[in-house]
């Protein structure tokens, strides 16, 4: 249900509706509320909780316009409204995972940093609206990291409020805080001074790019879905019977299952280790480059020459893009393990 039983008051229907940007509208036949954008498209608030991340006060203060079904049908439908970035944490009703919403409706999984009252920040979103958001699998909020863009933070023993934007902190004056509809409940308090950001321009007045209409045009989906995604598909051994202290060459096969990769950083940063294995040479072709990218579905092979210095069953592990110098579509699938038996003779 969307915004079920929200309107118990009677709203007078307008004889003729002339759509205007920022109008909040509904019909008599449905409790659903929409906002009209600059192009006169209507956008649905998926539920009441989503609505209140953008607005404050009771329904009587919102000036929702009740329009006829014919006037409603004249408006083209746009994308649904997502929870305002930096306000509440969200959880879909088909999962236990908790996410922070960042600009563009991008989700970062939350595992730490929101304090002991983090559960009070969670609002539930119907699973049918999952596709309104974009998951960024490379973004996980952990205790050793930082809070993401659009977060409102307050350092320990300080009354100053900061808005995180583009990885920088921007001080929000009382006037700027009110003008942009920020909420006290969204502030993450008692942030340790060790969580540092660069300094940006202060927020002292209303800024359009912090508002709901801008959120309807701003998107990061193409940026995220276009990222490369490196996985290791195989460690190729030259024979099934490898003898101790025998010089051999092993091949590490890397595949890109994401967007085109033009940087070779991830392919230079590789952990490659086997129990009792010693490398004497690594062959790394001059690829990929900006002019010769590792395209979607293509593989890349590195050759390691060396020997095992002891016999027995050995564990081999490899991890690509370690440390993580390129941002991938998913940075949780970079590891690969394999076992091999080394014979004395």
Foldseek 3Di string as FASTA:
>chain_A
DAAPPQDPDDDDEDPDDDDDAQAWEDEPVDNWIWGAHPVRATATARHPVQVVLADDDGPVPRNYHYYYPVVNVVHHHAYHFGRQALAAWEDEPVDPWIWGQAFQQETATEDDDQDPCNVVRYDYGYPVCPVSHHYQQLHHHDPPAADDAQHWEEAPPGPWIWGADPQATATEDPAQCVQLVHDPNSYRYHHYPVRDTHHDYHRRHHDVCSHRNVSRVDHCRCVLQQFKDKAWDDWDFPDQAAAAPDKGKIKTKMATQGAWAADCLQVVAKDKDKVQKDFDDKDADPDDHNVRTRGHGHMGMMMTITGRNDFAKMKIKMFTCVVPPGRGSHRPRGMDMDIGGYHND
